[in-house]
Protein backbone atom coordinates (compact mmCIF):
# COMPACT_ATOMS: atom_id res chain seq x y z
CA MET A 1 -45.80 31.84 -92.42
CA ASP A 2 -44.00 29.69 -89.84
CA ASP A 3 -41.51 31.04 -87.31
CA LEU A 4 -38.46 29.80 -89.26
CA SER A 5 -39.57 31.56 -92.45
CA ALA A 6 -40.26 34.79 -90.57
CA ARG A 7 -36.85 34.64 -88.84
CA VAL A 8 -35.03 33.95 -92.11
CA MET A 9 -36.81 36.80 -93.86
CA ARG A 10 -35.77 39.18 -91.03
CA LEU A 11 -32.18 37.89 -91.34
CA GLN A 12 -32.29 38.41 -95.12
CA ARG A 13 -33.44 42.02 -94.72
CA ALA A 14 -30.72 42.66 -92.14
CA ALA A 15 -28.03 41.04 -94.30
CA TRP A 16 -28.91 43.06 -97.39
CA ALA A 17 -29.08 46.26 -95.30
CA VAL A 18 -25.52 45.59 -94.09
CA ARG A 19 -24.35 45.08 -97.69
CA ARG A 20 -26.10 48.18 -99.04
CA ALA A 21 -24.61 50.35 -96.27
CA SER A 22 -21.08 49.00 -96.77
CA GLY A 23 -20.39 51.18 -99.80
CA VAL A 24 -18.30 48.33 -101.23
CA PRO A 25 -19.46 46.62 -104.45
CA CYS A 26 -19.99 42.86 -104.20
CA ALA A 27 -21.07 40.48 -106.98
CA LEU A 28 -22.05 37.56 -104.72
CA PRO A 29 -25.77 36.75 -105.20
CA PHE A 30 -26.36 36.22 -101.47
CA ALA A 31 -25.91 38.34 -98.34
CA LEU A 32 -26.94 35.67 -95.83
CA VAL A 33 -24.92 32.58 -94.94
CA MET A 34 -26.18 29.65 -92.87
CA MET A 35 -23.55 27.62 -91.00
CA THR A 36 -24.67 24.05 -90.23
CA ASP A 37 -23.99 21.99 -87.14
CA GLU A 38 -25.30 18.56 -86.16
CA ARG A 39 -26.32 19.78 -82.68
CA ALA A 40 -28.18 22.88 -83.85
CA HIS A 41 -29.63 21.29 -87.00
CA PRO A 42 -30.31 17.59 -86.30
CA ASP A 43 -32.86 17.41 -89.14
CA LEU A 44 -30.96 19.51 -91.67
CA VAL A 45 -32.72 18.34 -94.82
CA SER A 46 -36.18 19.22 -93.55
CA LEU A 47 -34.88 22.59 -92.33
CA LEU A 48 -33.45 23.34 -95.79
CA GLU A 49 -36.74 22.35 -97.42
CA ARG A 50 -38.53 24.92 -95.22
CA LEU A 51 -36.27 27.87 -96.08
CA PRO A 52 -37.86 30.63 -98.15
CA LYS A 53 -36.79 30.34 -101.79
CA ALA A 54 -35.50 33.84 -102.49
CA PRO A 55 -33.15 35.59 -102.26
CA PRO A 56 -30.52 32.84 -102.26
CA ILE A 57 -28.68 31.80 -99.10
CA LEU A 58 -25.25 30.22 -98.94
CA ILE A 59 -25.30 27.12 -96.75
CA VAL A 60 -21.91 26.09 -95.30
CA PHE A 61 -22.23 22.38 -94.56
CA ARG A 62 -20.04 21.33 -91.64
CA HIS A 63 -21.54 18.50 -89.54
CA TYR A 64 -18.04 17.52 -88.44
CA GLY A 65 -19.25 15.06 -85.78
CA LEU A 66 -20.72 12.55 -88.24
CA GLY A 67 -18.83 9.53 -89.54
CA ALA A 68 -17.60 9.76 -93.13
CA GLU A 69 -20.35 7.61 -94.66
CA ARG A 70 -23.22 9.30 -92.78
CA ARG A 71 -21.74 12.73 -93.52
CA ALA A 72 -21.43 12.00 -97.26
CA CYS A 73 -25.03 10.74 -97.40
CA LEU A 74 -26.36 13.79 -95.54
CA LEU A 75 -24.26 16.13 -97.70
CA ALA A 76 -25.81 14.68 -100.88
CA ARG A 77 -29.34 15.03 -99.49
CA ALA A 78 -28.67 18.55 -98.15
CA TYR A 79 -27.17 19.65 -101.47
CA ASP A 80 -30.28 18.44 -103.33
CA ALA A 81 -32.61 20.19 -100.85
CA ALA A 82 -30.64 23.45 -101.00
CA ARG A 83 -30.51 23.41 -104.80
CA GLN A 84 -34.27 22.76 -105.07
CA GLN A 85 -34.89 25.83 -102.90
CA GLY A 86 -32.55 27.96 -105.06
CA HIS A 87 -29.76 28.15 -102.48
CA LEU A 88 -26.04 27.39 -102.73
CA LEU A 89 -24.23 24.87 -100.55
CA VAL A 90 -20.50 24.47 -99.96
CA ALA A 91 -19.02 21.79 -97.71
CA ALA A 92 -16.11 21.81 -95.32
CA GLY A 93 -13.36 20.01 -97.18
CA GLY A 94 -15.22 20.38 -100.49
CA GLY A 95 -18.52 19.33 -101.99
CA GLY A 96 -21.77 20.74 -103.30
CA HIS A 97 -21.16 24.05 -105.08
CA GLY A 98 -17.63 24.41 -103.64
CA GLY A 99 -15.68 24.20 -100.43
CA HIS A 100 -15.25 25.72 -96.99
CA ASN A 101 -11.67 26.12 -95.72
CA ALA A 102 -10.51 24.06 -98.70
CA PHE A 103 -9.31 24.72 -102.21
CA ALA A 104 -12.17 23.11 -104.12
CA PRO A 105 -13.73 23.76 -107.50
CA GLY A 106 -16.53 26.32 -107.37
CA LEU A 107 -17.39 28.76 -104.61
CA ARG A 108 -14.92 28.90 -101.69
CA SER A 109 -15.50 30.29 -98.19
CA VAL A 110 -13.00 30.52 -95.35
CA SER A 111 -13.13 31.16 -91.61
CA VAL A 112 -11.20 34.24 -90.49
CA HIS A 113 -10.48 35.01 -86.84
CA SER A 114 -7.57 37.46 -87.29
CA VAL A 115 -5.82 39.62 -89.87
CA ARG A 116 -3.04 37.03 -90.08
CA GLU A 117 -5.48 34.18 -90.76
CA GLY A 118 -7.18 36.26 -93.46
CA VAL A 119 -3.82 36.71 -95.20
CA VAL A 120 -2.84 33.04 -94.86
CA LYS A 121 -6.16 31.88 -96.32
CA ARG A 122 -5.66 33.94 -99.49
CA SER A 123 -3.86 30.87 -100.85
CA LEU A 124 -7.25 29.09 -101.00
CA ARG A 125 -8.47 31.85 -103.36
CA PRO A 126 -11.68 32.40 -101.37
CA HIS A 127 -14.75 34.18 -102.64
CA LEU A 128 -15.72 35.20 -99.10
CA GLY A 129 -14.41 35.15 -95.55
CA LEU A 130 -16.48 34.57 -92.42
CA VAL A 131 -15.04 36.89 -89.78
CA SER A 132 -15.81 35.60 -86.29
CA PRO A 133 -16.85 35.71 -83.57
CA VAL A 134 -18.15 39.25 -83.94
CA PHE A 135 -20.43 39.02 -80.90
CA ALA A 136 -20.70 36.56 -78.00
CA THR A 137 -22.18 33.30 -79.24
CA ARG A 138 -23.81 30.23 -77.72
CA SER A 139 -21.99 27.90 -80.11
CA HIS A 140 -18.58 29.01 -78.74
CA PRO A 141 -19.35 30.37 -75.25
CA ASP A 142 -15.69 30.52 -74.18
CA ALA A 143 -14.49 32.46 -77.23
CA SER A 144 -13.76 36.17 -76.80
CA SER A 145 -15.82 38.22 -79.22
CA LEU A 146 -14.11 40.62 -81.59
CA GLU A 147 -16.89 43.24 -81.30
CA PRO A 148 -17.92 45.22 -84.40
CA ALA A 149 -15.00 47.69 -84.61
CA ARG A 150 -12.27 45.04 -84.44
CA ALA A 151 -14.18 42.66 -86.73
CA ALA A 152 -14.65 45.47 -89.27
CA ALA A 153 -10.93 46.25 -89.10
CA ILE A 154 -10.20 42.61 -89.99
CA ALA A 155 -12.75 42.71 -92.83
CA ARG A 156 -11.10 45.85 -94.27
CA THR A 157 -7.81 43.95 -94.69
CA LEU A 158 -9.34 41.08 -96.66
CA SER A 159 -8.83 40.87 -100.40
CA TYR A 160 -12.21 39.10 -100.62
CA PRO A 161 -15.66 40.01 -99.22
CA GLY A 162 -16.09 39.64 -95.46
CA PHE A 163 -19.25 38.36 -93.77
CA ALA A 164 -19.90 38.81 -90.04
CA LEU A 165 -20.40 35.59 -88.03
CA GLY A 166 -20.90 34.87 -84.35
CA GLY A 167 -23.88 36.05 -82.34
CA VAL A 168 -25.33 37.80 -85.38
CA ASP A 169 -29.09 38.04 -85.63
CA ALA A 170 -31.45 40.60 -87.14
CA ALA A 171 -31.08 42.91 -84.12
CA SER A 172 -27.30 42.74 -83.67
CA ALA A 173 -26.80 43.15 -87.44
CA ARG A 174 -27.88 46.78 -87.04
CA ARG A 175 -24.57 47.39 -85.23
CA LEU A 176 -22.80 46.37 -88.47
CA ILE A 177 -24.41 49.05 -90.64
CA GLY A 178 -21.67 51.19 -92.20
CA THR A 179 -18.95 48.53 -91.83
CA PRO A 180 -17.24 46.85 -94.82
CA PHE A 181 -19.17 43.60 -94.28
CA GLN A 182 -20.99 42.25 -97.34
CA GLY A 183 -23.50 40.30 -95.31
CA ILE A 184 -24.01 38.20 -92.22
CA ALA A 185 -23.70 34.55 -91.29
CA ALA A 186 -25.52 32.65 -88.57
CA LEU A 187 -25.85 29.24 -87.02
CA GLY A 188 -28.15 29.55 -84.01
CA ALA A 189 -30.60 31.88 -85.76
CA PHE A 190 -31.52 28.92 -88.00
CA ARG A 191 -32.39 26.56 -85.11
CA THR A 192 -35.84 25.03 -85.38
């Protein structure tokens, strides 16, 4: 087993432990979300092909820094790779199995940084919200972290399942046990 597979399996166990301890029912078939970024995941397709097949992961395709044509081409390839591994993929603006921060057909995820933003984004009819940044994170070093208590308070106000994002790894996820989070999301933990 390579290092990526071992890390993802640890993340999966942590994500499902957070969900089980939440005491809140959730029908989503995944508890782990992978956020993509062109700096952290320069070879995204090969990374997706190396992910363990089960349980499913939701991949949120962002790659905002690419031009439209390159981004569309990579999105199509990433969607195929994710689907072949049994995972779901939604794209910022729409694409794949749904959309991120967009009203798109299929599965919809939204970013939530405050109670107010969580309320405003209800209009997109999301299936899940990514509450962030829960902990300090390398991808946004200047952002103030919410810390678990404040992040959990935001998640409690959502009318859709909340997932913890920002500095979350298998170790820090333990601090989320007993919160209303339905899983965890990560970017840096998926670096190769």
